[in-house]
């Protein structure tokens, strides 16, 4: 387990937003920051860029969670992370595709990291929020993180608290939240 480093997060985030970098480099930096964050949590290990045997679905990051006392005790043993370092909010079809990918891998939880959030209105559950709400009715939970969330993290305890809060909010609100 590596210690969470605000300096490392800042470095990855600078690479992720630098217009001089290619789309590939910016996307990879966004994944790098998430690997750093998850590997700072007690009991978490990651695996990157896994293709299914058909070559039709790629998982950005799979997380093995050993559910240690000071780790992600409320999250399942294995979950998926999808990183979208897009200049626009993530749309409903992308959320639906991620929910399908989660189910195809036999998981019940995914973390969508969307640089600029998602489309729609959380209170009216429109667009991407509707897709997350629909996934929840199928026992597929999606937690939403944004760049603002990532840059506010200072310790692994912050990450654990944020993800546990987002899980509670998801169930209570019926769709993902960013509050």
Protein backbone atom coordinates (compact mmCIF):
# COMPACT_ATOMS: atom_id res chain seq x y z
CA UNK A 1 0.00 0.00 0.00
CA UNK A 2 1.45 3.34 -1.06
CA UNK A 3 0.61 6.51 0.83
CA UNK A 4 -1.75 8.92 -0.93
CA UNK A 5 0.23 11.85 -2.22
CA UNK A 6 -1.39 15.18 -3.04
CA UNK A 7 1.74 16.01 -5.05
CA UNK A 8 1.31 12.85 -7.14
CA UNK A 9 -2.37 13.63 -7.70
CA UNK A 10 -1.46 17.17 -8.80
CA UNK A 11 1.23 15.86 -11.16
CA UNK A 12 -1.10 13.32 -12.78
CA UNK A 13 -3.86 15.92 -13.06
CA UNK A 14 -1.52 18.41 -14.78
CA UNK A 15 -0.72 15.71 -17.36
CA UNK A 16 -4.41 14.89 -17.68
CA UNK A 17 -5.37 18.45 -18.63
CA UNK A 18 -2.30 19.59 -20.58
CA UNK A 19 -3.50 20.31 -24.15
CA UNK A 20 0.04 19.67 -25.40
CA UNK A 21 -0.42 16.00 -24.48
CA UNK A 22 -2.24 13.61 -26.79
CA UNK A 23 -5.69 12.33 -25.90
CA UNK A 24 -4.07 8.98 -25.08
CA UNK A 25 -1.57 10.55 -22.65
CA UNK A 26 -4.29 12.66 -20.98
CA UNK A 27 -6.53 9.60 -20.60
CA UNK A 28 -3.69 7.47 -19.27
CA UNK A 29 -2.80 10.16 -16.69
CA UNK A 30 -6.43 10.16 -15.51
CA UNK A 31 -6.22 6.40 -15.04
CA UNK A 32 -2.83 6.79 -13.31
CA UNK A 33 -4.33 9.09 -10.70
CA UNK A 34 -7.09 6.57 -9.97
CA UNK A 35 -4.61 3.70 -9.62
CA UNK A 36 -2.59 5.85 -7.22
CA UNK A 37 -5.72 6.67 -5.21
CA UNK A 38 -7.01 3.10 -4.96
CA UNK A 39 -3.60 1.62 -4.19
CA UNK A 40 -3.30 4.06 -1.27
CA UNK A 41 -6.28 2.40 0.43
CA UNK A 42 -5.63 -0.48 2.82
CA UNK A 43 -6.53 -3.80 1.21
CA UNK A 44 -6.91 -2.55 -2.38
CA UNK A 45 -5.01 -3.81 -5.42
CA UNK A 46 -5.61 -2.80 -9.02
CA UNK A 47 -5.37 -4.27 -12.51
CA UNK A 48 -5.44 -2.05 -15.58
CA UNK A 49 -6.77 -2.20 -19.11
CA UNK A 50 -8.24 -5.70 -19.14
CA UNK A 51 -10.03 -6.88 -22.28
CA UNK A 52 -12.68 -9.56 -22.15
CA UNK A 53 -11.90 -12.70 -24.14
CA UNK A 54 -14.05 -11.49 -27.04
CA UNK A 55 -12.12 -8.23 -27.34
CA UNK A 56 -15.38 -6.27 -27.11
CA UNK A 57 -15.12 -4.67 -23.66
CA UNK A 58 -12.16 -3.10 -21.91
CA UNK A 59 -12.05 -2.36 -18.21
CA UNK A 60 -9.92 0.68 -17.37
CA UNK A 61 -9.24 -0.46 -13.80
CA UNK A 62 -10.42 -3.47 -11.81
CA UNK A 63 -10.07 -3.17 -8.05
CA UNK A 64 -9.60 -6.10 -5.68
CA UNK A 65 -10.85 -4.99 -2.27
CA UNK A 66 -9.88 -7.14 0.70
CA UNK A 67 -12.23 -5.05 2.90
CA UNK A 68 -9.74 -4.24 5.62
CA UNK A 69 -10.90 -2.38 8.73
CA UNK A 70 -9.45 0.95 7.59
CA UNK A 71 -10.31 0.36 3.93
CA UNK A 72 -13.41 0.11 1.75
CA UNK A 73 -15.39 -2.17 4.06
CA UNK A 74 -18.75 -1.27 2.51
CA UNK A 75 -17.71 -1.91 -1.08
CA UNK A 76 -17.64 -5.36 -2.71
CA UNK A 77 -14.54 -7.50 -3.06
CA UNK A 78 -14.15 -6.67 -6.76
CA UNK A 79 -15.40 -3.61 -8.60
CA UNK A 80 -14.65 -1.75 -11.83
CA UNK A 81 -13.49 1.80 -12.50
CA UNK A 82 -14.21 3.67 -15.74
CA UNK A 83 -12.26 6.88 -16.37
CA UNK A 84 -13.65 9.53 -18.73
CA UNK A 85 -11.32 12.50 -19.03
CA UNK A 86 -13.66 14.28 -21.42
CA UNK A 87 -14.08 18.02 -21.93
CA UNK A 88 -17.87 17.53 -21.84
CA UNK A 89 -20.09 15.76 -19.31
CA UNK A 90 -20.52 12.01 -19.76
CA UNK A 91 -23.81 11.11 -21.45
CA UNK A 92 -26.51 8.58 -20.60
CA UNK A 93 -25.48 6.01 -23.21
CA UNK A 94 -21.95 5.89 -21.78
CA UNK A 95 -23.35 5.34 -18.27
CA UNK A 96 -25.62 2.57 -19.62
CA UNK A 97 -22.69 0.94 -21.42
CA UNK A 98 -20.64 1.02 -18.21
CA UNK A 99 -23.54 -0.55 -16.26
CA UNK A 100 -23.69 -3.34 -18.83
CA UNK A 101 -19.93 -3.86 -18.60
CA UNK A 102 -20.23 -4.15 -14.80
CA UNK A 103 -22.92 -6.83 -15.13
CA UNK A 104 -21.05 -8.69 -17.88
CA UNK A 105 -18.08 -9.01 -15.52
CA UNK A 106 -20.25 -10.39 -12.71
CA UNK A 107 -19.81 -7.30 -10.55
CA UNK A 108 -22.35 -5.21 -8.69
CA UNK A 109 -20.44 -1.92 -8.39
CA UNK A 110 -18.59 0.47 -10.61
CA UNK A 111 -16.95 3.82 -10.08
CA UNK A 112 -17.36 6.29 -12.94
CA UNK A 113 -14.69 8.98 -12.88
CA UNK A 114 -16.00 11.76 -15.11
CA UNK A 115 -13.76 14.81 -15.35
CA UNK A 116 -16.67 17.15 -16.03
CA UNK A 117 -19.54 15.27 -14.45
CA UNK A 118 -22.51 13.85 -16.28
CA UNK A 119 -25.46 15.12 -18.28
CA UNK A 120 -28.88 15.73 -16.82
CA UNK A 121 -30.48 16.80 -13.58
CA UNK A 122 -30.01 14.68 -10.45
CA UNK A 123 -33.27 15.83 -8.86
CA UNK A 124 -35.33 15.01 -11.92
CA UNK A 125 -33.17 11.97 -12.71
CA UNK A 126 -32.82 12.91 -16.36
CA UNK A 127 -30.21 11.79 -18.89
CA UNK A 128 -27.15 10.17 -17.27
CA UNK A 129 -28.79 10.30 -13.85
CA UNK A 130 -31.68 8.27 -15.26
CA UNK A 131 -29.25 5.67 -16.60
CA UNK A 132 -27.65 5.36 -13.15
CA UNK A 133 -31.09 5.10 -11.52
CA UNK A 134 -32.13 2.40 -13.99
CA UNK A 135 -28.89 0.47 -13.36
CA UNK A 136 -29.64 0.58 -9.64
CA UNK A 137 -33.02 -1.13 -10.24
CA UNK A 138 -30.99 -3.95 -11.84
CA UNK A 139 -28.75 -4.25 -8.74
CA UNK A 140 -25.88 -2.42 -10.45
CA UNK A 141 -24.47 0.44 -8.41
CA UNK A 142 -22.45 3.24 -9.99
CA UNK A 143 -20.61 5.80 -7.89
CA UNK A 144 -19.66 9.08 -9.55
CA UNK A 145 -16.39 10.96 -8.96
CA UNK A 146 -15.27 14.16 -10.69
CA UNK A 147 -12.01 16.05 -11.05
CA UNK A 148 -13.12 18.31 -8.19
CA UNK A 149 -13.42 15.23 -5.97
CA UNK A 150 -9.97 13.97 -6.94
CA UNK A 151 -8.19 17.25 -6.34
CA UNK A 152 -9.76 17.62 -2.88
CA UNK A 153 -8.33 14.33 -1.57
CA UNK A 154 -5.51 14.58 0.97
CA UNK A 155 -5.45 11.11 2.55
CA UNK A 156 -6.66 7.57 2.00
CA UNK A 157 -9.17 8.21 4.80
CA UNK A 158 -10.65 10.98 2.62
CA UNK A 159 -11.06 8.48 -0.24
CA UNK A 160 -12.73 5.88 1.98
CA UNK A 161 -15.08 8.47 3.48
CA UNK A 162 -15.96 9.87 0.03
CA UNK A 163 -16.72 6.47 -1.52
CA UNK A 164 -18.73 5.28 1.49
CA UNK A 165 -20.72 8.55 1.45
CA UNK A 166 -21.37 8.24 -2.30
CA UNK A 167 -22.63 4.68 -1.77
CA UNK A 168 -25.05 5.81 0.92
CA UNK A 169 -26.16 8.76 -1.22
CA UNK A 170 -26.67 6.48 -4.23
CA UNK A 171 -29.02 4.20 -2.35
CA UNK A 172 -30.81 7.03 -0.54
CA UNK A 173 -31.23 9.24 -3.65
CA UNK A 174 -31.84 6.45 -6.16
CA UNK A 175 -29.14 7.74 -8.52
CA UNK A 176 -25.53 8.78 -8.26
CA UNK A 177 -24.66 12.04 -6.57
CA UNK A 178 -21.81 14.53 -6.36
CA UNK A 179 -22.80 16.19 -3.07
